Amino acid sequence: GGQYSPLSPLATRAATAPYGVVEPPFDLTKLCIAAGATYVARGHVGNAVFLEKLIRGGMKHKGFAVIEVMTNCHTQYGRRNKIPDPADLIHRLSEQGVTAAQWEKLSPEERDNKFIIGVLHKDTTRPEYCEVYSELRAKAMERARAEAGKH
């Protein structure tokens, strides 16, 4: 119904923020990294080929993978923020998404309303949860069998 989200840029309008969003956007990727994700990437709908590479990378990655896809609501967001053409909204996302190398070259002012795209975090040193759990389960079963054999 056109509500704003934790990712909505400051001052943009939504049904639940008719005078503009006042809360700063929330970076979902930072939460995922803090929660232990070992592959975190972000892309947008303006570059499907690049986005497909990120998704494939996450699917091939062994472990907790998160791929954030930046998009917007063309009907509600576009109309409320005076950008009614869906192609214009996608073009804006394409301009806002920058690589980490491009981000580093931007001044703090230039970073406003921009976001980093690409693989943001990849950790191949952390053991994969299901493997660790299976090893623990095997040890517990072995111990139970040994205890049963003593009786």
C-alpha atoms as a PDB file:
ATOM      1  CA  GLY A   1       0.000   0.000   0.000  1.00  0.00           C
ATOM      2  CA  GLY A   2       2.897   2.410  -0.398  1.00  0.00           C
ATOM      3  CA  GLN A   3       4.395   2.277   3.074  1.00  0.00           C
ATOM      4  CA  TYR A   4       7.997   3.296   3.601  1.00  0.00           C
ATOM      5  CA  SER A   5      10.602   0.732   4.579  1.00  0.00           C
ATOM      6  CA  PRO A   6      13.799   0.809   6.630  1.00  0.00           C
ATOM      7  CA  LEU A   7      15.604   1.273   3.295  1.00  0.00           C
ATOM      8  CA  SER A   8      13.608   4.289   2.091  1.00  0.00           C
ATOM      9  CA  PRO A   9      15.831   7.334   1.540  1.00  0.00           C
ATOM     10  CA  LEU A  10      15.382  10.329   3.853  1.00  0.00           C
ATOM     11  CA  ALA A  11      12.690  12.833   2.823  1.00  0.00           C
ATOM     12  CA  THR A  12      11.040  10.518   0.266  1.00  0.00           C
ATOM     13  CA  ARG A  13       7.270  10.243   0.513  1.00  0.00           C
ATOM     14  CA  ALA A  14       5.123   7.211   1.193  1.00  0.00           C
ATOM     15  CA  ALA A  15       1.554   6.504   2.303  1.00  0.00           C
ATOM     16  CA  THR A  16       2.871   6.091   5.847  1.00  0.00           C
ATOM     17  CA  ALA A  17       5.186   9.122   5.507  1.00  0.00           C
ATOM     18  CA  PRO A  18       3.161  11.723   3.571  1.00  0.00           C
ATOM     19  CA  TYR A  19       5.527  14.542   4.605  1.00  0.00           C
ATOM     20  CA  GLY A  20       8.679  12.541   3.998  1.00  0.00           C
ATOM     21  CA  VAL A  21      10.665   9.785   5.701  1.00  0.00           C
ATOM     22  CA  VAL A  22      12.498  11.092   8.769  1.00  0.00           C
ATOM     23  CA  GLU A  23      14.366   7.951   9.833  1.00  0.00           C
ATOM     24  CA  PRO A  24      17.791   7.339   8.287  1.00  0.00           C
ATOM     25  CA  PRO A  25      17.935   4.313   5.966  1.00  0.00           C
ATOM     26  CA  PHE A  26      18.981   1.018   7.535  1.00  0.00           C
ATOM     27  CA  ASP A  27      21.851  -0.934   5.969  1.00  0.00           C
ATOM     28  CA  LEU A  28      20.595  -4.511   5.802  1.00  0.00           C
ATOM     29  CA  THR A  29      23.951  -5.828   4.609  1.00  0.00           C
ATOM     30  CA  LYS A  30      25.702  -4.677   7.795  1.00  0.00           C
ATOM     31  CA  LEU A  31      23.122  -6.526   9.890  1.00  0.00           C
ATOM     32  CA  CYS A  32      23.646  -9.696   7.830  1.00  0.00           C
ATOM     33  CA  ILE A  33      27.423  -9.506   8.235  1.00  0.00           C
ATOM     34  CA  ALA A  34      27.024  -8.999  11.992  1.00  0.00           C
ATOM     35  CA  ALA A  35      24.634 -11.978  12.083  1.00  0.00           C
ATOM     36  CA  GLY A  36      27.307 -14.220  10.592  1.00  0.00           C
ATOM     37  CA  ALA A  37      26.579 -14.271   6.869  1.00  0.00           C
ATOM     38  CA  THR A  38      29.668 -15.410   5.014  1.00  0.00           C
ATOM     39  CA  TYR A  39      28.619 -14.061   1.604  1.00  0.00           C
ATOM     40  CA  VAL A  40      26.880 -10.692   1.385  1.00  0.00           C
ATOM     41  CA  ALA A  41      26.251  -8.900  -1.896  1.00  0.00           C
ATOM     42  CA  ARG A  42      24.055  -6.095  -3.212  1.00  0.00           C
ATOM     43  CA  GLY A  43      22.809  -5.339  -6.686  1.00  0.00           C
ATOM     44  CA  HIS A  44      19.867  -3.567  -8.284  1.00  0.00           C
ATOM     45  CA  VAL A  45      17.259  -4.196 -10.936  1.00  0.00           C
ATOM     46  CA  GLY A  46      18.949  -1.791 -13.356  1.00  0.00           C
ATOM     47  CA  ASN A  47      21.704  -4.287 -14.206  1.00  0.00           C
ATOM     48  CA  ALA A  48      20.296  -7.789 -14.523  1.00  0.00           C
ATOM     49  CA  VAL A  49      23.532  -9.367 -15.814  1.00  0.00           C
ATOM     50  CA  PHE A  50      25.533  -8.094 -12.821  1.00  0.00           C
ATOM     51  CA  LEU A  51      22.726  -9.094 -10.451  1.00  0.00           C
ATOM     52  CA  GLU A  52      22.665 -12.605 -11.914  1.00  0.00           C
ATOM     53  CA  LYS A  53      26.417 -12.950 -11.209  1.00  0.00           C
ATOM     54  CA  LEU A  54      25.873 -11.946  -7.582  1.00  0.00           C
ATOM     55  CA  ILE A  55      23.016 -14.414  -7.167  1.00  0.00           C
ATOM     56  CA  ARG A  56      25.013 -17.224  -8.791  1.00  0.00           C
ATOM     57  CA  GLY A  57      27.930 -16.382  -6.490  1.00  0.00           C
ATOM     58  CA  GLY A  58      25.664 -16.653  -3.464  1.00  0.00           C
ATOM     59  CA  MET A  59      24.217 -19.958  -4.654  1.00  0.00           C
ATOM     60  CA  LYS A  60      27.699 -21.432  -5.195  1.00  0.00           C
ATOM     61  CA  HIS A  61      28.990 -20.131  -1.871  1.00  0.00           C
ATOM     62  CA  LYS A  62      29.168 -22.668   0.913  1.00  0.00           C
ATOM     63  CA  GLY A  63      27.516 -21.029   3.915  1.00  0.00           C
ATOM     64  CA  PHE A  64      25.045 -18.320   4.898  1.00  0.00           C
ATOM     65  CA  ALA A  65      24.591 -16.114   1.805  1.00  0.00           C
ATOM     66  CA  VAL A  66      22.508 -12.947   1.475  1.00  0.00           C
ATOM     67  CA  ILE A  67      21.984 -10.991  -1.743  1.00  0.00           C
ATOM     68  CA  GLU A  68      20.167  -7.690  -1.326  1.00  0.00           C
ATOM     69  CA  VAL A  69      18.389  -6.524  -4.467  1.00  0.00           C
ATOM     70  CA  MET A  70      17.636  -2.813  -4.588  1.00  0.00           C
ATOM     71  CA  THR A  71      14.380  -1.986  -6.319  1.00  0.00           C
ATOM     72  CA  ASN A  72      11.467   0.320  -5.742  1.00  0.00           C
ATOM     73  CA  CYS A  73       7.726   0.371  -6.086  1.00  0.00           C
ATOM     74  CA  HIS A  74       7.040   1.908  -9.487  1.00  0.00           C
ATOM     75  CA  THR A  75       3.397   2.622  -8.782  1.00  0.00           C
ATOM     76  CA  GLN A  76       3.317   4.019  -5.246  1.00  0.00           C
ATOM     77  CA  TYR A  77       6.883   5.300  -4.746  1.00  0.00           C
ATOM     78  CA  GLY A  78       7.125   6.736  -8.229  1.00  0.00           C
ATOM     79  CA  ARG A  79       3.868   8.663  -8.101  1.00  0.00           C
ATOM     80  CA  ARG A  80       4.378   9.998  -4.583  1.00  0.00           C
ATOM     81  CA  ASN A  81       7.916  11.189  -5.372  1.00  0.00           C
ATOM     82  CA  LYS A  82       7.110  12.729  -8.772  1.00  0.00           C
ATOM     83  CA  ILE A  83       8.904  10.048 -10.801  1.00  0.00           C
ATOM     84  CA  PRO A  84       5.982   8.330 -12.531  1.00  0.00           C
ATOM     85  CA  ASP A  85       8.006   6.647 -15.301  1.00  0.00           C
ATOM     86  CA  PRO A  86       9.284   3.213 -14.191  1.00  0.00           C
ATOM     87  CA  ALA A  87      12.251   3.495 -16.588  1.00  0.00           C
ATOM     88  CA  ASP A  88      13.316   6.717 -14.823  1.00  0.00           C
ATOM     89  CA  LEU A  89      13.202   4.947 -11.461  1.00  0.00           C
ATOM     90  CA  ILE A  90      15.383   2.118 -12.746  1.00  0.00           C
ATOM     91  CA  HIS A  91      17.783   4.640 -14.300  1.00  0.00           C
ATOM     92  CA  ARG A  92      18.023   6.416 -10.925  1.00  0.00           C
ATOM     93  CA  LEU A  93      18.927   3.129  -9.217  1.00  0.00           C
ATOM     94  CA  SER A  94      21.616   2.583 -11.836  1.00  0.00           C
ATOM     95  CA  GLU A  95      23.086   6.008 -11.063  1.00  0.00           C
ATOM     96  CA  GLN A  96      22.884   5.463  -7.299  1.00  0.00           C
ATOM     97  CA  GLY A  97      24.593   2.057  -7.296  1.00  0.00           C
ATOM     98  CA  VAL A  98      28.389   2.358  -7.277  1.00  0.00           C
ATOM     99  CA  THR A  99      31.197  -0.129  -6.774  1.00  0.00           C
ATOM    100  CA  ALA A 100      33.336  -0.028  -3.622  1.00  0.00           C
ATOM    101  CA  ALA A 101      36.205   1.486  -5.653  1.00  0.00           C
ATOM    102  CA  GLN A 102      33.919   4.248  -6.965  1.00  0.00           C
ATOM    103  CA  TRP A 103      32.531   4.816  -3.444  1.00  0.00           C
ATOM    104  CA  GLU A 104      36.022   5.424  -2.041  1.00  0.00           C
ATOM    105  CA  LYS A 105      36.599   8.225  -4.559  1.00  0.00           C
ATOM    106  CA  LEU A 106      33.387  10.066  -3.600  1.00  0.00           C
ATOM    107  CA  SER A 107      33.251  12.895  -1.081  1.00  0.00           C
ATOM    108  CA  PRO A 108      30.823  12.522   1.845  1.00  0.00           C
ATOM    109  CA  GLU A 109      28.390  14.843   0.049  1.00  0.00           C
ATOM    110  CA  GLU A 110      28.598  12.823  -3.169  1.00  0.00           C
ATOM    111  CA  ARG A 111      27.820   9.637  -1.218  1.00  0.00           C
ATOM    112  CA  ASP A 112      24.374  10.927  -0.268  1.00  0.00           C
ATOM    113  CA  ASN A 113      21.686   8.794  -1.918  1.00  0.00           C
ATOM    114  CA  LYS A 114      24.274   6.320  -3.240  1.00  0.00           C
ATOM    115  CA  PHE A 115      24.837   2.702  -2.243  1.00  0.00           C
ATOM    116  CA  ILE A 116      27.649   0.215  -2.823  1.00  0.00           C
ATOM    117  CA  ILE A 117      26.998  -2.718  -5.143  1.00  0.00           C
ATOM    118  CA  GLY A 118      28.913  -5.951  -5.583  1.00  0.00           C
ATOM    119  CA  VAL A 119      30.193  -8.571  -3.168  1.00  0.00           C
ATOM    120  CA  LEU A 120      30.405  -6.680   0.122  1.00  0.00           C
ATOM    121  CA  HIS A 121      31.657  -9.529   2.320  1.00  0.00           C
ATOM    122  CA  LYS A 122      33.002 -12.999   1.652  1.00  0.00           C
ATOM    123  CA  ASP A 123      34.470 -15.207   4.348  1.00  0.00           C
ATOM    124  CA  THR A 124      35.669 -18.648   3.322  1.00  0.00           C
ATOM    125  CA  THR A 125      37.443 -19.357   6.616  1.00  0.00           C
ATOM    126  CA  ARG A 126      34.328 -19.824   8.721  1.00  0.00           C
ATOM    127  CA  PRO A 127      33.083 -23.414   8.830  1.00  0.00           C
ATOM    128  CA  GLU A 128      29.672 -24.006   7.308  1.00  0.00           C
ATOM    129  CA  TYR A 129      26.960 -24.499   9.952  1.00  0.00           C
ATOM    130  CA  CYS A 130      25.439 -27.740   8.630  1.00  0.00           C
ATOM    131  CA  GLU A 131      28.856 -29.400   8.429  1.00  0.00           C
ATOM    132  CA  VAL A 132      29.732 -28.381  12.000  1.00  0.00           C
ATOM    133  CA  TYR A 133      26.339 -29.589  13.217  1.00  0.00           C
ATOM    134  CA  SER A 134      26.729 -32.933  11.416  1.00  0.00           C
ATOM    135  CA  GLU A 135      30.157 -33.452  12.992  1.00  0.00           C
ATOM    136  CA  LEU A 136      28.745 -32.671  16.446  1.00  0.00           C
ATOM    137  CA  ARG A 137      25.834 -35.041  15.872  1.00  0.00           C
ATOM    138  CA  ALA A 138      28.178 -37.842  14.747  1.00  0.00           C
ATOM    139  CA  LYS A 139      30.312 -37.382  17.887  1.00  0.00           C
ATOM    140  CA  ALA A 140      27.214 -37.439  20.107  1.00  0.00           C
ATOM    141  CA  MET A 141      25.931 -40.628  18.443  1.00  0.00           C
ATOM    142  CA  GLU A 142      29.344 -42.266  18.752  1.00  0.00           C
ATOM    143  CA  ARG A 143      29.459 -41.374  22.429  1.00  0.00           C
ATOM    144  CA  ALA A 144      25.938 -42.726  22.972  1.00  0.00           C
ATOM    145  CA  ARG A 145      26.885 -46.028  21.286  1.00  0.00           C
ATOM    146  CA  ALA A 146      30.018 -46.287  23.433  1.00  0.00           C
ATOM    147  CA  GLU A 147      27.973 -45.649  26.588  1.00  0.00           C
ATOM    148  CA  ALA A 148      25.394 -48.264  25.540  1.00  0.00           C
ATOM    149  CA  GLY A 149      28.198 -50.786  24.919  1.00  0.00           C
ATOM    150  CA  LYS A 150      29.465 -50.380  28.489  1.00  0.00           C
ATOM    151  CA  HIS A 151      26.177 -51.656  29.924  1.00  0.00           C
END
